[in-house]
Amino acid sequence: MPMVAKHLPFIQKAQKAKQLIRFSHRFESYPIRGYVLDIGPKFFLMAIVCDRIWFDGFECFRLSDVSKVMIDPYARFAETALRKRRERIPKKPRISVASVEELIMSAGQTFPLVTIYREKIDPGVVWIGKILGFEQDHVSLLEINPDANWENKRSKYHLKEITRVGFGGDYETALDLVAKKPDLHRLKR
């Protein structure tokens, strides 16, 4: 039985019941925790609960990269802390998980910065930036550096290489707060 089919019923049930889940991820050494907000044919959308017990944006994971899914064993503690901090499960943002292209396009339209992971190609590295568009089977991205400065040319990434997409997190928000508006007219191809 493929991984997707194996874990999909549990993930669907957790979404419906609004349960805090924890799962192992093929490319991470630590478990990921959050609430499932939407499920597509290959990706699912989660509101991430970080280790410091607050909501830290959204991430979309490939179903095929997930293993050991369970109700978070510390859900009672985490949910009590979230409640006392007046943190509520975020509403599902206007994100489509119907395909990787729709996922990236809707994330780029809804959030100023999007994080792209290509964990099979380059584990431990992320690319953060503004989604500029699509050309055939590639996404075009204007990247932003860790010092909140924009690159002067666009980057292209093959859609099939994308394993995860993040947006609306603390780090992306901080970069967006500090960065100047990019000059899209001066971009090099």
Protein backbone atom coordinates (compact mmCIF):
# COMPACT_ATOMS: atom_id res chain seq x y z
CA MET A 1 0.00 0.00 0.00
CA PRO A 2 1.52 3.39 -0.98
CA MET A 3 2.31 5.85 1.82
CA VAL A 4 -0.32 8.27 0.53
CA ALA A 5 -3.13 5.74 0.81
CA LYS A 6 -1.84 4.44 4.15
CA HIS A 7 -1.98 7.77 6.01
CA LEU A 8 -4.68 9.63 4.11
CA PRO A 9 -7.69 8.34 6.16
CA PHE A 10 -6.02 9.36 9.43
CA ILE A 11 -5.13 12.81 8.07
CA GLN A 12 -8.70 13.27 6.79
CA LYS A 13 -10.15 12.26 10.16
CA ALA A 14 -7.79 14.65 12.01
CA GLN A 15 -8.85 17.49 9.70
CA LYS A 16 -12.52 16.85 10.29
CA ALA A 17 -12.08 16.59 14.08
CA LYS A 18 -9.66 19.58 14.23
CA GLN A 19 -7.13 17.45 16.09
CA LEU A 20 -3.53 18.49 16.69
CA ILE A 21 -1.37 15.94 14.90
CA ARG A 22 2.31 15.11 14.85
CA PHE A 23 4.04 13.26 12.06
CA SER A 24 7.44 12.21 10.85
CA HIS A 25 8.58 13.67 7.57
CA ARG A 26 10.91 11.94 5.16
CA PHE A 27 13.35 14.88 5.04
CA GLU A 28 13.23 16.04 8.67
CA SER A 29 14.86 14.57 11.77
CA TYR A 30 12.24 16.10 14.07
CA PRO A 31 8.45 15.64 14.06
CA ILE A 32 6.12 18.28 12.63
CA ARG A 33 3.05 19.42 14.55
CA GLY A 34 -0.08 21.27 13.51
CA TYR A 35 -3.67 21.22 12.32
CA VAL A 36 -4.71 19.94 8.91
CA LEU A 37 -6.69 22.61 7.05
CA ASP A 38 -7.02 21.09 3.57
CA ILE A 39 -6.07 17.99 1.62
CA GLY A 40 -5.40 17.68 -2.09
CA PRO A 41 -4.40 14.76 -4.27
CA LYS A 42 -0.66 15.15 -3.50
CA PHE A 43 -0.28 17.92 -0.90
CA PHE A 44 -2.02 18.85 2.35
CA LEU A 45 -2.12 22.23 4.10
CA MET A 46 -1.30 22.62 7.78
CA ALA A 47 -1.39 25.43 10.32
CA ILE A 48 1.98 24.85 11.99
CA VAL A 49 2.36 24.85 15.78
CA CYS A 50 6.02 25.55 16.53
CA ASP A 51 8.02 24.16 19.45
CA ARG A 52 7.46 27.40 21.35
CA ILE A 53 3.74 26.62 21.22
CA TRP A 54 2.26 29.26 18.98
CA PHE A 55 1.03 29.26 15.41
CA ASP A 56 3.84 29.87 12.94
CA GLY A 57 2.31 30.15 9.50
CA PHE A 58 1.32 27.46 7.08
CA GLU A 59 3.08 24.66 5.25
CA CYS A 60 2.00 22.27 2.56
CA PHE A 61 3.55 18.82 2.59
CA ARG A 62 3.50 16.04 0.04
CA LEU A 63 1.41 13.17 1.36
CA SER A 64 4.01 10.73 0.05
CA ASP A 65 6.70 12.18 2.38
CA VAL A 66 4.71 11.57 5.57
CA SER A 67 5.09 8.67 8.00
CA LYS A 68 4.17 7.87 11.60
CA VAL A 69 1.12 10.13 11.80
CA MET A 70 -0.52 10.36 15.21
CA ILE A 71 -2.55 12.60 17.47
CA ASP A 72 0.08 14.75 19.19
CA PRO A 73 0.83 13.00 22.50
CA TYR A 74 1.18 16.43 24.12
CA ALA A 75 -1.96 17.89 22.53
CA ARG A 76 -3.63 18.65 25.85
CA PHE A 77 -0.66 20.76 27.02
CA ALA A 78 -0.19 22.48 23.64
CA GLU A 79 -3.88 23.27 23.19
CA THR A 80 -4.16 24.61 26.73
CA ALA A 81 -1.13 26.86 26.17
CA LEU A 82 -2.53 28.06 22.83
CA ARG A 83 -5.89 28.81 24.44
CA LYS A 84 -4.26 30.72 27.34
CA ARG A 85 -2.28 32.73 24.78
CA ARG A 86 -5.55 33.44 22.96
CA GLU A 87 -4.26 31.69 19.87
CA ARG A 88 -6.94 30.12 17.71
CA ILE A 89 -6.60 27.66 14.88
CA PRO A 90 -6.17 29.94 11.86
CA LYS A 91 -8.81 29.89 9.18
CA LYS A 92 -7.80 28.19 5.99
CA PRO A 93 -6.15 30.81 3.78
CA ARG A 94 -7.18 31.09 0.13
CA ILE A 95 -4.83 28.33 -0.94
CA SER A 96 -5.58 25.59 -3.45
CA VAL A 97 -3.90 22.22 -2.96
CA ALA A 98 -5.38 20.79 -6.19
CA SER A 99 -1.89 20.74 -7.80
CA VAL A 100 1.58 22.03 -7.02
CA GLU A 101 1.12 24.81 -9.59
CA GLU A 102 -2.20 25.94 -8.04
CA LEU A 103 -0.66 25.68 -4.58
CA ILE A 104 2.25 27.95 -5.44
CA MET A 105 0.13 30.34 -7.50
CA SER A 106 -2.50 30.77 -4.76
CA ALA A 107 0.18 31.12 -2.05
CA GLY A 108 1.89 33.83 -4.12
CA GLN A 109 -1.39 35.68 -4.57
CA THR A 110 -2.30 35.45 -0.88
CA PHE A 111 1.08 35.99 0.83
CA PRO A 112 3.90 38.41 -0.02
CA LEU A 113 6.62 35.75 0.38
CA VAL A 114 6.60 32.02 -0.26
CA THR A 115 9.16 29.43 0.85
CA ILE A 116 9.96 26.63 -1.57
CA TYR A 117 11.62 23.39 -0.49
CA ARG A 118 13.36 20.97 -2.88
CA GLU A 119 14.40 18.50 -0.21
CA LYS A 120 15.17 15.61 -2.51
CA ILE A 121 17.51 17.82 -4.60
CA ASP A 122 18.99 20.04 -1.89
CA PRO A 123 18.06 18.99 1.68
CA GLY A 124 18.28 21.67 4.34
CA VAL A 125 18.05 24.55 1.84
CA VAL A 126 15.01 26.76 1.21
CA TRP A 127 14.28 29.46 -1.33
CA ILE A 128 12.15 32.37 -0.17
CA GLY A 129 10.74 35.03 -2.41
CA LYS A 130 7.97 36.55 -4.46
CA ILE A 131 6.24 34.31 -6.99
CA LEU A 132 6.55 35.94 -10.42
CA GLY A 133 4.79 33.34 -12.54
CA PHE A 134 5.12 30.07 -14.39
CA GLU A 135 6.86 29.02 -17.58
CA GLN A 136 6.00 25.54 -18.80
CA ASP A 137 6.78 23.28 -15.82
CA HIS A 138 8.84 25.81 -13.81
CA VAL A 139 7.98 28.46 -11.24
CA SER A 140 9.72 31.82 -11.48
CA LEU A 141 10.74 33.35 -8.14
CA LEU A 142 12.35 36.64 -7.13
CA GLU A 143 14.40 35.54 -4.15
CA ILE A 144 15.04 37.53 -1.01
CA ASN A 145 18.27 37.10 0.99
CA PRO A 146 18.49 36.50 4.76
CA ASP A 147 19.33 40.21 5.14
CA ALA A 148 16.00 41.14 3.47
CA ASN A 149 17.56 42.32 0.20
CA TRP A 150 16.16 41.23 -3.15
CA GLU A 151 18.19 39.42 -5.78
CA ASN A 152 18.49 41.25 -9.10
CA LYS A 153 17.40 38.33 -11.28
CA ARG A 154 14.65 35.75 -11.22
CA SER A 155 15.23 32.09 -10.38
CA LYS A 156 13.37 29.15 -11.89
CA TYR A 157 12.55 25.86 -10.19
CA HIS A 158 11.07 22.74 -11.71
CA LEU A 159 7.63 22.04 -10.22
CA LYS A 160 8.32 18.29 -9.93
CA GLU A 161 11.27 19.01 -7.60
CA ILE A 162 9.16 20.92 -5.06
CA THR A 163 8.50 18.84 -1.95
CA ARG A 164 7.07 21.45 0.42
CA VAL A 165 5.76 25.02 0.35
CA GLY A 166 5.53 27.42 3.31
CA PHE A 167 4.05 30.89 3.81
CA GLY A 168 2.85 33.27 6.50
CA GLY A 169 5.40 32.13 9.08
CA ASP A 170 7.32 34.32 11.52
CA TYR A 171 10.48 34.33 9.39
CA GLU A 172 8.74 35.18 6.09
CA THR A 173 6.78 37.91 7.90
CA ALA A 174 9.99 39.39 9.39
CA LEU A 175 11.68 39.43 5.97
CA ASP A 176 8.66 41.15 4.45
CA LEU A 177 8.59 43.76 7.24
CA VAL A 178 12.23 44.73 6.66
CA ALA A 179 12.50 44.40 2.86
CA LYS A 180 11.98 47.31 0.53
CA LYS A 181 9.51 46.86 -2.28
CA PRO A 182 11.25 45.00 -5.13
CA ASP A 183 11.80 46.82 -8.42
CA LEU A 184 10.34 44.25 -10.80
CA HIS A 185 11.06 46.41 -13.87
CA ARG A 186 14.84 46.15 -13.39
CA LEU A 187 14.99 42.35 -13.16
CA LYS A 188 17.46 40.45 -15.27
CA ARG A 189 16.16 37.37 -17.01
